[in-house]
Amino acid sequence: VSDASIANADQDGIEVFISTTAGVYLGLPSNNMLVSGDQMGFGYQTGSVDLIYLNSSAPSSTIDLKVVVIPPAVMKQHPNTNWNNWSEVNSLMNEQKVKSN
């Protein structure tokens, strides 16, 4: 997945969230998400995110993904944030948008 907002993979924080149920997002990596024994994860580099699905066949379910690029300054300001929790990350990033406007 091309993502130009990843300006520096060595500094930006990247989190990926997946949903198979409307409105319920879980942080990756994850096991047993779609079928028993599957594994989902991601890797990234400057400019792109690679999504990884390990199973004997491709997923048959529709999935929604959210990729969040977290600036290093935000991560330092909020060291106690659970970056795998969509609710916390979404709330914090929305708060940062308000502060920066």
PDB file of N, CA and C in Angstrom:
ATOM      1  N   VAL A   1       0.859  -1.164   0.000  1.00  0.00           N
ATOM      2  CA  VAL A   1       0.000   0.000   0.000  1.00  0.00           C
ATOM      3  C   VAL A   1       0.905   1.227   0.000  1.00  0.00           C
ATOM      4  N   SER A   2       0.778   2.063  -0.993  1.00  0.00           N
ATOM      5  CA  SER A   2       1.561   3.288  -1.067  1.00  0.00           C
ATOM      6  C   SER A   2       1.019   4.291  -0.057  1.00  0.00           C
ATOM      7  N   ASP A   3       1.899   4.914   0.703  1.00  0.00           N
ATOM      8  CA  ASP A   3       1.481   5.899   1.706  1.00  0.00           C
ATOM      9  C   ASP A   3       2.543   6.994   1.810  1.00  0.00           C
ATOM     10  N   ALA A   4       2.328   8.072   1.090  1.00  0.00           N
ATOM     11  CA  ALA A   4       3.294   9.170   1.046  1.00  0.00           C
ATOM     12  C   ALA A   4       3.454   9.868   2.388  1.00  0.00           C
ATOM     13  N   SER A   5       2.511   9.677   3.320  1.00  0.00           N
ATOM     14  CA  SER A   5       2.619  10.345   4.614  1.00  0.00           C
ATOM     15  C   SER A   5       3.692   9.703   5.493  1.00  0.00           C
ATOM     16  N   ILE A   6       4.228   8.534   5.097  1.00  0.00           N
ATOM     17  CA  ILE A   6       5.353   7.938   5.822  1.00  0.00           C
ATOM     18  C   ILE A   6       6.612   8.580   5.266  1.00  0.00           C
ATOM     19  N   ALA A   7       7.005   9.673   5.887  1.00  0.00           N
ATOM     20  CA  ALA A   7       8.125  10.459   5.382  1.00  0.00           C
ATOM     21  C   ALA A   7       9.474   9.877   5.798  1.00  0.00           C
ATOM     22  N   ASN A   8       9.528   9.247   6.975  1.00  0.00           N
ATOM     23  CA  ASN A   8      10.783   8.703   7.464  1.00  0.00           C
ATOM     24  C   ASN A   8      10.491   7.456   8.287  1.00  0.00           C
ATOM     25  N   ALA A   9      10.667   6.292   7.697  1.00  0.00           N
ATOM     26  CA  ALA A   9      10.339   5.030   8.361  1.00  0.00           C
ATOM     27  C   ALA A   9      11.159   4.810   9.627  1.00  0.00           C
ATOM     28  N   ASP A  10      12.309   5.466   9.740  1.00  0.00           N
ATOM     29  CA  ASP A  10      13.135   5.314  10.936  1.00  0.00           C
ATOM     30  C   ASP A  10      12.610   6.127  12.114  1.00  0.00           C
ATOM     31  N   GLN A  11      11.710   7.075  11.865  1.00  0.00           N
ATOM     32  CA  GLN A  11      11.228   7.928  12.934  1.00  0.00           C
ATOM     33  C   GLN A  11       9.709   7.871  13.131  1.00  0.00           C
ATOM     34  N   ASP A  12       8.945   7.778  12.059  1.00  0.00           N
ATOM     35  CA  ASP A  12       7.487   7.750  12.172  1.00  0.00           C
ATOM     36  C   ASP A  12       7.029   6.472  12.864  1.00  0.00           C
ATOM     37  N   GLY A  13       5.967   6.582  13.658  1.00  0.00           N
ATOM     38  CA  GLY A  13       5.327   5.405  14.226  1.00  0.00           C
ATOM     39  C   GLY A  13       4.203   4.986  13.300  1.00  0.00           C
ATOM     40  N   ILE A  14       4.119   3.706  12.985  1.00  0.00           N
ATOM     41  CA  ILE A  14       3.099   3.207  12.070  1.00  0.00           C
ATOM     42  C   ILE A  14       2.274   2.154  12.808  1.00  0.00           C
ATOM     43  N   GLU A  15       0.972   2.298  12.746  1.00  0.00           N
ATOM     44  CA  GLU A  15       0.067   1.293  13.300  1.00  0.00           C
ATOM     45  C   GLU A  15      -0.963   0.952  12.237  1.00  0.00           C
ATOM     46  N   VAL A  16      -1.342  -0.321  12.168  1.00  0.00           N
ATOM     47  CA  VAL A  16      -2.355  -0.777  11.226  1.00  0.00           C
ATOM     48  C   VAL A  16      -3.454  -1.471  12.018  1.00  0.00           C
ATOM     49  N   PHE A  17      -4.694  -1.112  11.708  1.00  0.00           N
ATOM     50  CA  PHE A  17      -5.864  -1.668  12.376  1.00  0.00           C
ATOM     51  C   PHE A  17      -6.743  -2.344  11.334  1.00  0.00           C
ATOM     52  N   ILE A  18      -7.371  -3.455  11.722  1.00  0.00           N
ATOM     53  CA  ILE A  18      -8.201  -4.233  10.814  1.00  0.00           C
ATOM     54  C   ILE A  18      -9.587  -4.420  11.416  1.00  0.00           C
ATOM     55  N   SER A  19     -10.573  -4.455  10.540  1.00  0.00           N
ATOM     56  CA  SER A  19     -11.948  -4.685  10.979  1.00  0.00           C
ATOM     57  C   SER A  19     -12.642  -5.651  10.028  1.00  0.00           C
ATOM     58  N   THR A  20     -13.325  -6.627  10.604  1.00  0.00           N
ATOM     59  CA  THR A  20     -14.214  -7.492   9.826  1.00  0.00           C
ATOM     60  C   THR A  20     -15.656  -7.220  10.225  1.00  0.00           C
ATOM     61  N   THR A  21     -15.834  -6.424  11.268  1.00  0.00           N
ATOM     62  CA  THR A  21     -17.146  -6.035  11.775  1.00  0.00           C
ATOM     63  C   THR A  21     -17.207  -4.523  11.781  1.00  0.00           C
ATOM     64  N   ALA A  22     -18.230  -3.946  11.211  1.00  0.00           N
ATOM     65  CA  ALA A  22     -18.330  -2.487  11.093  1.00  0.00           C
ATOM     66  C   ALA A  22     -18.049  -1.792  12.424  1.00  0.00           C
ATOM     67  N   GLY A  23     -17.051  -0.923  12.412  1.00  0.00           N
ATOM     68  CA  GLY A  23     -16.755  -0.091  13.566  1.00  0.00           C
ATOM     69  C   GLY A  23     -15.876  -0.706  14.635  1.00  0.00           C
ATOM     70  N   VAL A  24     -15.508  -1.991  14.522  1.00  0.00           N
ATOM     71  CA  VAL A  24     -14.659  -2.641  15.516  1.00  0.00           C
ATOM     72  C   VAL A  24     -13.290  -2.880  14.876  1.00  0.00           C
ATOM     73  N   TYR A  25     -12.285  -2.146  15.334  1.00  0.00           N
ATOM     74  CA  TYR A  25     -10.942  -2.247  14.775  1.00  0.00           C
ATOM     75  C   TYR A  25      -9.982  -2.798  15.811  1.00  0.00           C
ATOM     76  N   LEU A  26      -9.153  -3.747  15.365  1.00  0.00           N
ATOM     77  CA  LEU A  26      -8.137  -4.354  16.216  1.00  0.00           C
ATOM     78  C   LEU A  26      -6.773  -4.091  15.617  1.00  0.00           C
ATOM     79  N   GLY A  27      -5.777  -3.863  16.482  1.00  0.00           N
ATOM     80  CA  GLY A  27      -4.426  -3.600  16.014  1.00  0.00           C
ATOM     81  C   GLY A  27      -3.720  -4.851  15.533  1.00  0.00           C
ATOM     82  N   LEU A  28      -2.913  -4.687  14.496  1.00  0.00           N
ATOM     83  CA  LEU A  28      -2.072  -5.774  14.009  1.00  0.00           C
ATOM     84  C   LEU A  28      -0.721  -5.694  14.707  1.00  0.00           C
ATOM     85  N   PRO A  29      -0.045  -6.807  14.912  1.00  0.00           N
ATOM     86  CA  PRO A  29      -0.310  -8.135  14.381  1.00  0.00           C
ATOM     87  C   PRO A  29      -1.420  -8.841  15.150  1.00  0.00           C
ATOM     88  N   SER A  30      -2.003  -9.861  14.504  1.00  0.00           N
ATOM     89  CA  SER A  30      -3.089 -10.624  15.102  1.00  0.00           C
ATOM     90  C   SER A  30      -3.048 -12.058  14.591  1.00  0.00           C
ATOM     91  N   ASN A  31      -3.528 -12.973  15.421  1.00  0.00           N
ATOM     92  CA  ASN A  31      -3.660 -14.376  15.045  1.00  0.00           C
ATOM     93  C   ASN A  31      -5.120 -14.775  15.105  1.00  0.00           C
ATOM     94  N   ASN A  32      -5.499 -15.767  14.321  1.00  0.00           N
ATOM     95  CA  ASN A  32      -6.856 -16.324  14.350  1.00  0.00           C
ATOM     96  C   ASN A  32      -7.925 -15.260  14.099  1.00  0.00           C
ATOM     97  N   MET A  33      -7.631 -14.320  13.214  1.00  0.00           N
ATOM     98  CA  MET A  33      -8.546 -13.208  12.957  1.00  0.00           C
ATOM     99  C   MET A  33      -9.696 -13.623  12.047  1.00  0.00           C
ATOM    100  N   LEU A  34      -9.385 -14.267  10.945  1.00  0.00           N
ATOM    101  CA  LEU A  34     -10.416 -14.653   9.985  1.00  0.00           C
ATOM    102  C   LEU A  34     -10.735 -16.142  10.075  1.00  0.00           C
ATOM    103  N   VAL A  35      -9.697 -16.944  10.244  1.00  0.00           N
ATOM    104  CA  VAL A  35      -9.868 -18.390  10.423  1.00  0.00           C
ATOM    105  C   VAL A  35      -8.838 -18.878  11.436  1.00  0.00           C
ATOM    106  N   SER A  36      -9.097 -20.005  12.031  1.00  0.00           N
ATOM    107  CA  SER A  36      -8.181 -20.576  13.001  1.00  0.00           C
ATOM    108  C   SER A  36      -6.809 -20.810  12.372  1.00  0.00           C
ATOM    109  N   GLY A  37      -5.775 -20.334  13.038  1.00  0.00           N
ATOM    110  CA  GLY A  37      -4.414 -20.545  12.569  1.00  0.00           C
ATOM    111  C   GLY A  37      -3.851 -19.482  11.654  1.00  0.00           C
ATOM    112  N   ASP A  38      -4.652 -18.510  11.226  1.00  0.00           N
ATOM    113  CA  ASP A  38      -4.097 -17.481  10.349  1.00  0.00           C
ATOM    114  C   ASP A  38      -3.292 -16.470  11.161  1.00  0.00           C
ATOM    115  N   GLN A  39      -2.447 -15.733  10.454  1.00  0.00           N
ATOM    116  CA  GLN A  39      -1.645 -14.670  11.062  1.00  0.00           C
ATOM    117  C   GLN A  39      -1.688 -13.461  10.138  1.00  0.00           C
ATOM    118  N   MET A  40      -1.841 -12.285  10.762  1.00  0.00           N
ATOM    119  CA  MET A  40      -1.846 -11.043   9.998  1.00  0.00           C
ATOM    120  C   MET A  40      -0.845 -10.082  10.629  1.00  0.00           C
ATOM    121  N   GLY A  41      -0.140  -9.365   9.788  1.00  0.00           N
ATOM    122  CA  GLY A  41       0.823  -8.402  10.277  1.00  0.00           C
ATOM    123  C   GLY A  41       1.128  -7.377   9.207  1.00  0.00           C
ATOM    124  N   PHE A  42       2.155  -6.591   9.449  1.00  0.00           N
ATOM    125  CA  PHE A  42       2.546  -5.579   8.474  1.00  0.00           C
ATOM    126  C   PHE A  42       4.011  -5.234   8.654  1.00  0.00           C
ATOM    127  N   GLY A  43       4.574  -4.696   7.608  1.00  0.00           N
ATOM    128  CA  GLY A  43       5.902  -4.126   7.614  1.00  0.00           C
ATOM    129  C   GLY A  43       5.812  -2.799   6.890  1.00  0.00           C
ATOM    130  N   TYR A  44       6.796  -1.942   7.073  1.00  0.00           N
ATOM    131  CA  TYR A  44       6.734  -0.649   6.391  1.00  0.00           C
ATOM    132  C   TYR A  44       8.114  -0.118   6.083  1.00  0.00           C
ATOM    133  N   GLN A  45       8.123   0.782   5.154  1.00  0.00           N
ATOM    134  CA  GLN A  45       9.320   1.529   4.780  1.00  0.00           C
ATOM    135  C   GLN A  45       8.853   2.919   4.383  1.00  0.00           C
ATOM    136  N   THR A  46       9.774   3.825   4.189  1.00  0.00           N
ATOM    137  CA  THR A  46       9.400   5.164   3.784  1.00  0.00           C
ATOM    138  C   THR A  46       8.554   5.085   2.516  1.00  0.00           C
ATOM    139  N   GLY A  47       7.319   5.597   2.606  1.00  0.00           N
ATOM    140  CA  GLY A  47       6.435   5.652   1.447  1.00  0.00           C
ATOM    141  C   GLY A  47       5.489   4.497   1.244  1.00  0.00           C
ATOM    142  N   SER A  48       5.603   3.409   2.044  1.00  0.00           N
ATOM    143  CA  SER A  48       4.678   2.294   1.821  1.00  0.00           C
ATOM    144  C   SER A  48       4.548   1.382   3.044  1.00  0.00           C
ATOM    145  N   VAL A  49       3.428   0.655   3.066  1.00  0.00           N
ATOM    146  CA  VAL A  49       3.139  -0.341   4.093  1.00  0.00           C
ATOM    147  C   VAL A  49       2.856  -1.658   3.377  1.00  0.00           C
ATOM    148  N   ASP A  50       3.476  -2.733   3.843  1.00  0.00           N
ATOM    149  CA  ASP A  50       3.220  -4.064   3.307  1.00  0.00           C
ATOM    150  C   ASP A  50       2.319  -4.808   4.281  1.00  0.00           C
ATOM    151  N   LEU A  51       1.194  -5.306   3.790  1.00  0.00           N
ATOM    152  CA  LEU A  51       0.264  -6.084   4.593  1.00  0.00           C
ATOM    153  C   LEU A  51       0.573  -7.557   4.387  1.00  0.00           C
ATOM    154  N   ILE A  52       0.607  -8.317   5.482  1.00  0.00           N
ATOM    155  CA  ILE A  52       1.003  -9.715   5.429  1.00  0.00           C
ATOM    156  C   ILE A  52      -0.126 -10.585   5.969  1.00  0.00           C
ATOM    157  N   TYR A  53      -0.518 -11.585   5.186  1.00  0.00           N
ATOM    158  CA  TYR A  53      -1.526 -12.546   5.631  1.00  0.00           C
ATOM    159  C   TYR A  53      -0.951 -13.939   5.423  1.00  0.00           C
ATOM    160  N   LEU A  54      -0.831 -14.703   6.500  1.00  0.00           N
ATOM    161  CA  LEU A  54      -0.285 -16.048   6.429  1.00  0.00           C
ATOM    162  C   LEU A  54      -1.381 -17.067   6.721  1.00  0.00           C
ATOM    163  N   ASN A  55      -1.675 -17.874   5.730  1.00  0.00           N
ATOM    164  CA  ASN A  55      -2.651 -18.946   5.841  1.00  0.00           C
ATOM    165  C   ASN A  55      -2.522 -19.780   4.573  1.00  0.00           C
ATOM    166  N   SER A  56      -3.170 -20.922   4.548  1.00  0.00           N
ATOM    167  CA  SER A  56      -3.067 -21.780   3.372  1.00  0.00           C
ATOM    168  C   SER A  56      -3.852 -21.250   2.172  1.00  0.00           C
ATOM    169  N   SER A  57      -4.768 -20.270   2.416  1.00  0.00           N
ATOM    170  CA  SER A  57      -5.504 -19.661   1.310  1.00  0.00           C
ATOM    171  C   SER A  57      -5.752 -18.189   1.617  1.00  0.00           C
ATOM    172  N   ALA A  58      -6.093 -17.457   0.584  1.00  0.00           N
ATOM    173  CA  ALA A  58      -6.367 -16.024   0.745  1.00  0.00           C
ATOM    174  C   ALA A  58      -7.645 -15.832   1.571  1.00  0.00           C
ATOM    175  N   PRO A  59      -7.754 -14.695   2.251  1.00  0.00           N
ATOM    176  CA  PRO A  59      -8.969 -14.448   3.044  1.00  0.00           C
ATOM    177  C   PRO A  59     -10.197 -14.356   2.143  1.00  0.00           C
ATOM    178  N   SER A  60     -11.297 -14.931   2.621  1.00  0.00           N
ATOM    179  CA  SER A  60     -12.539 -14.862   1.851  1.00  0.00           C
ATOM    180  C   SER A  60     -13.471 -13.794   2.394  1.00  0.00           C
ATOM    181  N   SER A  61     -13.100 -13.186   3.510  1.00  0.00           N
ATOM    182  CA  SER A  61     -13.919 -12.142   4.122  1.00  0.00           C
ATOM    183  C   SER A  61     -13.492 -10.767   3.633  1.00  0.00           C
ATOM    184  N   THR A  62     -14.421  -9.846   3.660  1.00  0.00           N
ATOM    185  CA  THR A  62     -14.087  -8.451   3.381  1.00  0.00           C
ATOM    186  C   THR A  62     -13.488  -7.863   4.644  1.00  0.00           C
ATOM    187  N   ILE A  63     -12.367  -7.175   4.497  1.00  0.00           N
ATOM    188  CA  ILE A  63     -11.737  -6.535   5.637  1.00  0.00           C
ATOM    189  C   ILE A  63     -11.520  -5.060   5.335  1.00  0.00           C
ATOM    190  N   ASP A  64     -11.604  -4.257   6.367  1.00  0.00           N
ATOM    191  CA  ASP A  64     -11.288  -2.836   6.269  1.00  0.00           C
ATOM    192  C   ASP A  64     -10.008  -2.599   7.050  1.00  0.00           C
ATOM    193  N   LEU A  65      -9.162  -1.740   6.521  1.00  0.00           N
ATOM    194  CA  LEU A  65      -7.892  -1.418   7.168  1.00  0.00           C
ATOM    195  C   LEU A  65      -7.767   0.073   7.384  1.00  0.00           C
ATOM    196  N   LYS A  66      -7.108   0.422   8.465  1.00  0.00           N
ATOM    197  CA  LYS A  66      -6.741   1.818   8.719  1.00  0.00           C
ATOM    198  C   LYS A  66      -5.250   1.832   9.013  1.00  0.00           C
ATOM    199  N   VAL A  67      -4.528   2.673   8.309  1.00  0.00           N
ATOM    200  CA  VAL A  67      -3.102   2.858   8.547  1.00  0.00           C
ATOM    201  C   VAL A  67      -2.935   4.234   9.182  1.00  0.00           C
ATOM    202  N   VAL A  68      -2.279   4.269  10.333  1.00  0.00           N
ATOM    203  CA  VAL A  68      -2.091   5.523  11.047  1.00  0.00           C
ATOM    204  C   VAL A  68      -0.594   5.813  11.119  1.00  0.00           C
ATOM    205  N   VAL A  69      -0.206   6.990  10.644  1.00  0.00           N
ATOM    206  CA  VAL A  69       1.176   7.450  10.731  1.00  0.00           C
ATOM    207  C   VAL A  69       1.245   8.426  11.905  1.00  0.00           C
ATOM    208  N   ILE A  70       2.067   8.083  12.887  1.00  0.00           N
ATOM    209  CA  ILE A  70       2.151   8.875  14.119  1.00  0.00           C
ATOM    210  C   ILE A  70       3.500   9.587  14.143  1.00  0.00           C
ATOM    211  N   PRO A  71       3.488  10.911  14.112  1.00  0.00           N
ATOM    212  CA  PRO A  71       4.744  11.653  14.156  1.00  0.00           C
ATOM    213  C   PRO A  71       5.511  11.360  15.445  1.00  0.00           C
ATOM    214  N   PRO A  72       6.842  11.335  15.390  1.00  0.00           N
ATOM    215  CA  PRO A  72       7.643  11.028  16.568  1.00  0.00           C
ATOM    216  C   PRO A  72       7.349  11.955  17.754  1.00  0.00           C
ATOM    217  N   ALA A  73       7.091  13.218  17.480  1.00  0.00           N
ATOM    218  CA  ALA A  73       6.820  14.169  18.563  1.00  0.00           C
ATOM    219  C   ALA A  73       5.559  13.781  19.331  1.00  0.00           C
ATOM    220  N   VAL A  74       4.543  13.284  18.620  1.00  0.00           N
ATOM    221  CA  VAL A  74       3.295  12.863  19.274  1.00  0.00           C
ATOM    222  C   VAL A  74       3.549  11.638  20.143  1.00  0.00           C
ATOM    223  N   MET A  75       4.340  10.697  19.641  1.00  0.00           N
ATOM    224  CA  MET A  75       4.649   9.495  20.425  1.00  0.00           C
ATOM    225  C   MET A  75       5.402   9.863  21.704  1.00  0.00           C
ATOM    226  N   LYS A  76       6.321  10.811  21.606  1.00  0.00           N
ATOM    227  CA  LYS A  76       7.084  11.239  22.790  1.00  0.00           C
ATOM    228  C   LYS A  76       6.206  11.968  23.796  1.00  0.00           C
ATOM    229  N   GLN A  77       5.240  12.751  23.309  1.00  0.00           N
ATOM    230  CA  GLN A  77       4.347  13.498  24.203  1.00  0.00           C
ATOM    231  C   GLN A  77       3.364  12.598  24.933  1.00  0.00           C
ATOM    232  N   HIS A  78       3.118  11.394  24.403  1.00  0.00           N
ATOM    233  CA  HIS A  78       2.099  10.491  24.963  1.00  0.00           C
ATOM    234  C   HIS A  78       2.677   9.089  25.164  1.00  0.00           C
ATOM    235  N   PRO A  79       3.666   8.962  26.066  1.00  0.00           N
ATOM    236  CA  PRO A  79       4.357   7.672  26.224  1.00  0.00           C
ATOM    237  C   PRO A  79       3.489   6.555  26.784  1.00  0.00           C
ATOM    238  N   ASN A  80       2.381   6.870  27.431  1.00  0.00           N
ATOM    239  CA  ASN A  80       1.542   5.836  28.035  1.00  0.00           C
ATOM    240  C   ASN A  80       0.380   5.403  27.142  1.00  0.00           C
ATOM    241  N   THR A  81       0.375   5.847  25.896  1.00  0.00           N
ATOM    242  CA  THR A  81      -0.694   5.478  24.962  1.00  0.00           C
ATOM    243  C   THR A  81      -0.523   4.026  24.522  1.00  0.00           C
ATOM    244  N   ASN A  82      -1.627   3.293  24.490  1.00  0.00           N
ATOM    245  CA  ASN A  82      -1.625   1.937  23.941  1.00  0.00           C
ATOM    246  C   ASN A  82      -1.807   2.081  22.434  1.00  0.00           C
ATOM    247  N   TRP A  83      -0.723   2.035  21.691  1.00  0.00           N
ATOM    248  CA  TRP A  83      -0.758   2.298  20.255  1.00  0.00           C
ATOM    249  C   TRP A  83      -1.458   1.194  19.476  1.00  0.00           C
ATOM    250  N   ASN A  84      -1.777   0.067  20.111  1.00  0.00           N
ATOM    251  CA  ASN A  84      -2.538  -1.000  19.450  1.00  0.00           C
ATOM    252  C   ASN A  84      -4.034  -0.887  19.708  1.00  0.00           C
ATOM    253  N   ASN A  85      -4.450   0.135  20.433  1.00  0.00           N
ATOM    254  CA  ASN A  85      -5.864   0.338  20.755  1.00  0.00           C
ATOM    255  C   ASN A  85      -6.417   1.436  19.852  1.00  0.00           C
ATOM    256  N   TRP A  86      -7.293   1.055  18.909  1.00  0.00           N
ATOM    257  CA  TRP A  86      -7.830   2.013  17.941  1.00  0.00           C
ATOM    258  C   TRP A  86      -8.500   3.196  18.619  1.00  0.00           C
ATOM    259  N   SER A  87      -9.261   2.969  19.664  1.00  0.00           N
ATOM    260  CA  SER A  87      -9.975   4.066  20.332  1.00  0.00           C
ATOM    261  C   SER A  87      -9.004   5.104  20.876  1.00  0.00           C
ATOM    262  N   GLU A  88      -7.932   4.645  21.523  1.00  0.00           N
ATOM    263  CA  GLU A  88      -6.940   5.579  22.068  1.00  0.00           C
ATOM    264  C   GLU A  88      -6.218   6.336  20.954  1.00  0.00           C
ATOM    265  N   VAL A  89      -5.785   5.618  19.943  1.00  0.00           N
ATOM    266  CA  VAL A  89      -5.037   6.243  18.843  1.00  0.00           C
ATOM    267  C   VAL A  89      -5.915   7.232  18.090  1.00  0.00           C
ATOM    268  N   ASN A  90      -7.134   6.830  17.771  1.00  0.00           N
ATOM    269  CA  ASN A  90      -8.053   7.697  17.041  1.00  0.00           C
ATOM    270  C   ASN A  90      -8.347   8.961  17.839  1.00  0.00           C
ATOM    271  N   SER A  91      -8.622   8.819  19.123  1.00  0.00           N
ATOM    272  CA  SER A  91      -8.912   9.967  19.965  1.00  0.00           C
ATOM    273  C   SER A  91      -7.714  10.917  20.036  1.00  0.00           C
ATOM    274  N   LEU A  92      -6.540  10.357  20.229  1.00  0.00           N
ATOM    275  CA  LEU A  92      -5.339  11.173  20.330  1.00  0.00           C
ATOM    276  C   LEU A  92      -5.030  11.893  19.017  1.00  0.00           C
ATOM    277  N   MET A  93      -5.147  11.188  17.900  1.00  0.00           N
ATOM    278  CA  MET A  93      -4.832  11.814  16.621  1.00  0.00           C
ATOM    279  C   MET A  93      -5.856  12.894  16.276  1.00  0.00           C
ATOM    280  N   ASN A  94      -7.127  12.693  16.622  1.00  0.00           N
ATOM    281  CA  ASN A  94      -8.131  13.737  16.409  1.00  0.00           C
ATOM    282  C   ASN A  94      -7.839  14.948  17.275  1.00  0.00           C
ATOM    283  N   GLU A  95      -7.396  14.708  18.511  1.00  0.00           N
ATOM    284  CA  GLU A  95      -7.016  15.806  19.411  1.00  0.00           C
ATOM    285  C   GLU A  95      -5.838  16.583  18.825  1.00  0.00           C
ATOM    286  N   GLN A  96      -4.865  15.888  18.240  1.00  0.00           N
ATOM    287  CA  GLN A  96      -3.703  16.543  17.654  1.00  0.00           C
ATOM    288  C   GLN A  96      -4.103  17.396  16.451  1.00  0.00           C
ATOM    289  N   LYS A  97      -5.080  16.935  15.660  1.00  0.00           N
ATOM    290  CA  LYS A  97      -5.553  17.713  14.506  1.00  0.00           C
ATOM    291  C   LYS A  97      -6.156  19.025  14.967  1.00  0.00           C
ATOM    292  N   VAL A  98      -6.920  18.976  16.050  1.00  0.00           N
ATOM    293  CA  VAL A  98      -7.551  20.187  16.579  1.00  0.00           C
ATOM    294  C   VAL A  98      -6.465  21.155  17.061  1.00  0.00           C
ATOM    295  N   LYS A  99      -5.455  20.635  17.753  1.00  0.00           N
ATOM    296  CA  LYS A  99      -4.394  21.483  18.279  1.00  0.00           C
ATOM    297  C   LYS A  99      -3.566  22.128  17.168  1.00  0.00           C
ATOM    298  N   SER A 100      -3.400  21.409  16.048  1.00  0.00           N
ATOM    299  CA  SER A 100      -2.553  21.939  14.999  1.00  0.00           C
ATOM    300  C   SER A 100      -3.267  22.907  14.056  1.00  0.00           C
ATOM    301  N   ASN A 101      -4.593  22.982  14.151  1.00  0.00           N
ATOM    302  CA  ASN A 101      -5.355  23.876  13.262  1.00  0.00           C
ATOM    303  C   ASN A 101      -5.439  25.287  13.779  1.00  0.00           C
TER     304      ASN A 101
END
